[in-house]
Each structure stands twice: as structure tokens, then as C-alpha cells.
Amino acid sequence: MIRLPVISGRQLVRALGRVGFVVDRQRGSHMILYRADPPRMLTVPDHKELDRGTLRAILRQAEMSPKELEQLLEVPQAEARVEVVE
């Protein structure tokens, strides 16, 4: 089993943006993301460090493995673009 990295909520949002998730809205410290195909909605806390259990639950909801997340986190920052829908 791959050990989950210690990352912030914003780092996770950037990684999820690379697989089609976009920020729909934010309420307080929670960002709501959605993906149209296949339809999926996620809530990501905007914390400096996400707990491992929280990160694992978000990955499960996004139907991603920890290995896939690791690969997305390795992509250079220049390619990271997250759209904010208003």
C-alpha cells in the first residue's frame, strides 16, 4: 500500500484540476469541486494539511488511487490550471 503524502487542500485541488475537476464554489474553508464526465462532486477542505483519512476519503469519492495522486502531484506547476466557475 502506498503511503499518502501530506498535502494541503489547495495542492489537492490543483491535482484534481488536472483530471477534469473545477472549483464550483467555496463556502468558508471548504471548496466544492465538480466534474461533468463522469459526473462527480467533491468537497475539499482548504486546510494547510489534510488528514490522511480525509485525503483517502476524497480520493475514494474521486475514484482515484494514491498512485494516481502521486503522479498528478509530480506534474510541473506551469501546467496546473484550475478554472473557477462563477
C-alpha atoms as a PDB file:
ATOM      1  CA  MET A   1       0.000   0.000   0.000  1.00  0.00           C
ATOM      2  CA  ILE A   2       1.314   3.432  -0.964  1.00  0.00           C
ATOM      3  CA  ARG A   3       1.703   5.904   1.870  1.00  0.00           C
ATOM      4  CA  LEU A   4      -0.389   9.017   1.318  1.00  0.00           C
ATOM      5  CA  PRO A   5       1.509  12.301   1.059  1.00  0.00           C
ATOM      6  CA  VAL A   6       0.924  15.180   3.477  1.00  0.00           C
ATOM      7  CA  ILE A   7      -0.522  17.902   1.256  1.00  0.00           C
ATOM      8  CA  SER A   8      -2.697  20.986   1.603  1.00  0.00           C
ATOM      9  CA  GLY A   9      -6.240  21.323   0.334  1.00  0.00           C
ATOM     10  CA  ARG A  10      -5.083  23.717  -2.388  1.00  0.00           C
ATOM     11  CA  GLN A  11      -2.446  21.252  -3.611  1.00  0.00           C
ATOM     12  CA  LEU A  12      -5.152  18.596  -3.841  1.00  0.00           C
ATOM     13  CA  VAL A  13      -7.443  20.968  -5.784  1.00  0.00           C
ATOM     14  CA  ARG A  14      -4.619  21.650  -8.284  1.00  0.00           C
ATOM     15  CA  ALA A  15      -4.051  17.909  -8.740  1.00  0.00           C
ATOM     16  CA  LEU A  16      -7.774  17.215  -9.164  1.00  0.00           C
ATOM     17  CA  GLY A  17      -7.953  20.058 -11.701  1.00  0.00           C
ATOM     18  CA  ARG A  18      -5.601  18.058 -13.929  1.00  0.00           C
ATOM     19  CA  VAL A  19      -8.189  15.270 -14.199  1.00  0.00           C
ATOM     20  CA  GLY A  20     -11.141  17.494 -15.019  1.00  0.00           C
ATOM     21  CA  PHE A  21     -12.428  18.813 -11.686  1.00  0.00           C
ATOM     22  CA  VAL A  22     -13.234  22.531 -11.485  1.00  0.00           C
ATOM     23  CA  VAL A  23     -13.965  24.685  -8.449  1.00  0.00           C
ATOM     24  CA  ASP A  24     -17.680  25.385  -8.392  1.00  0.00           C
ATOM     25  CA  ARG A  25     -17.825  27.479  -5.225  1.00  0.00           C
ATOM     26  CA  GLN A  26     -16.303  27.948  -1.787  1.00  0.00           C
ATOM     27  CA  ARG A  27     -18.093  28.347   1.493  1.00  0.00           C
ATOM     28  CA  GLY A  28     -15.881  29.149   4.444  1.00  0.00           C
ATOM     29  CA  SER A  29     -12.934  26.781   4.440  1.00  0.00           C
ATOM     30  CA  HIS A  30     -14.470  24.199   2.085  1.00  0.00           C
ATOM     31  CA  MET A  31     -14.125  24.199  -1.701  1.00  0.00           C
ATOM     32  CA  ILE A  32     -16.770  22.410  -3.759  1.00  0.00           C
ATOM     33  CA  LEU A  33     -15.456  20.850  -6.980  1.00  0.00           C
ATOM     34  CA  TYR A  34     -17.324  19.137  -9.756  1.00  0.00           C
ATOM     35  CA  ARG A  35     -16.558  17.140 -12.884  1.00  0.00           C
ATOM     36  CA  ALA A  36     -19.066  16.755 -15.703  1.00  0.00           C
ATOM     37  CA  ASP A  37     -17.951  13.429 -17.170  1.00  0.00           C
ATOM     38  CA  PRO A  38     -18.325  11.125 -15.322  1.00  0.00           C
ATOM     39  CA  PRO A  39     -20.474  13.275 -13.034  1.00  0.00           C
ATOM     40  CA  ARG A  40     -18.890  13.711  -9.623  1.00  0.00           C
ATOM     41  CA  MET A  41     -18.955  16.355  -6.877  1.00  0.00           C
ATOM     42  CA  LEU A  42     -16.323  16.655  -4.139  1.00  0.00           C
ATOM     43  CA  THR A  43     -15.798  18.801  -1.066  1.00  0.00           C
ATOM     44  CA  VAL A  44     -12.183  19.630  -0.220  1.00  0.00           C
ATOM     45  CA  PRO A  45     -11.276  21.468   2.982  1.00  0.00           C
ATOM     46  CA  ASP A  46      -8.946  24.432   2.467  1.00  0.00           C
ATOM     47  CA  HIS A  47      -6.556  23.382   5.246  1.00  0.00           C
ATOM     48  CA  LYS A  48      -2.769  23.641   5.410  1.00  0.00           C
ATOM     49  CA  GLU A  49      -2.530  19.861   5.932  1.00  0.00           C
ATOM     50  CA  LEU A  50      -5.230  17.334   5.118  1.00  0.00           C
ATOM     51  CA  ASP A  51      -5.627  14.393   7.487  1.00  0.00           C
ATOM     52  CA  ARG A  52      -4.784  11.069   5.866  1.00  0.00           C
ATOM     53  CA  GLY A  53      -8.311   9.741   6.435  1.00  0.00           C
ATOM     54  CA  THR A  54      -9.835  12.831   4.825  1.00  0.00           C
ATOM     55  CA  LEU A  55      -7.483  12.585   1.848  1.00  0.00           C
ATOM     56  CA  ARG A  56      -8.215   8.862   1.438  1.00  0.00           C
ATOM     57  CA  ALA A  57     -11.989   9.526   1.524  1.00  0.00           C
ATOM     58  CA  ILE A  58     -11.711  12.282  -1.106  1.00  0.00           C
ATOM     59  CA  LEU A  59      -9.628  10.014  -3.365  1.00  0.00           C
ATOM     60  CA  ARG A  60     -12.199   7.242  -2.968  1.00  0.00           C
ATOM     61  CA  GLN A  61     -15.010   9.649  -3.946  1.00  0.00           C
ATOM     62  CA  ALA A  62     -12.973  10.827  -6.952  1.00  0.00           C
ATOM     63  CA  GLU A  63     -12.350   7.175  -7.914  1.00  0.00           C
ATOM     64  CA  MET A  64      -8.579   7.701  -7.826  1.00  0.00           C
ATOM     65  CA  SER A  65      -5.781   5.664  -6.324  1.00  0.00           C
ATOM     66  CA  PRO A  66      -2.974   7.092  -4.175  1.00  0.00           C
ATOM     67  CA  LYS A  67      -0.581   6.184  -7.013  1.00  0.00           C
ATOM     68  CA  GLU A  68      -2.577   8.339  -9.456  1.00  0.00           C
ATOM     69  CA  LEU A  69      -2.485  11.237  -6.989  1.00  0.00           C
ATOM     70  CA  GLU A  70       1.274  10.846  -6.638  1.00  0.00           C
ATOM     71  CA  GLN A  71       1.668  11.077 -10.426  1.00  0.00           C
ATOM     72  CA  LEU A  72      -0.553  14.188 -10.597  1.00  0.00           C
ATOM     73  CA  LEU A  73       1.474  15.898  -7.875  1.00  0.00           C
ATOM     74  CA  GLU A  74       4.663  15.368  -9.904  1.00  0.00           C
ATOM     75  CA  VAL A  75       3.367  17.420 -12.877  1.00  0.00           C
ATOM     76  CA  PRO A  76       5.216  20.787 -13.139  1.00  0.00           C
ATOM     77  CA  GLN A  77       3.424  23.815 -11.667  1.00  0.00           C
ATOM     78  CA  ALA A  78       3.297  25.589 -15.057  1.00  0.00           C
ATOM     79  CA  GLU A  79       0.744  23.025 -16.279  1.00  0.00           C
ATOM     80  CA  ALA A  80      -1.524  23.436 -13.252  1.00  0.00           C
ATOM     81  CA  ARG A  81      -4.624  25.441 -14.106  1.00  0.00           C
ATOM     82  CA  VAL A  82      -7.826  25.386 -12.102  1.00  0.00           C
ATOM     83  CA  GLU A  83     -10.855  27.134 -13.506  1.00  0.00           C
ATOM     84  CA  VAL A  84     -13.216  28.948 -11.157  1.00  0.00           C
ATOM     85  CA  VAL A  85     -16.811  28.868 -12.358  1.00  0.00           C
ATOM     86  CA  GLU A  86     -18.967  31.775 -11.247  1.00  0.00           C
END
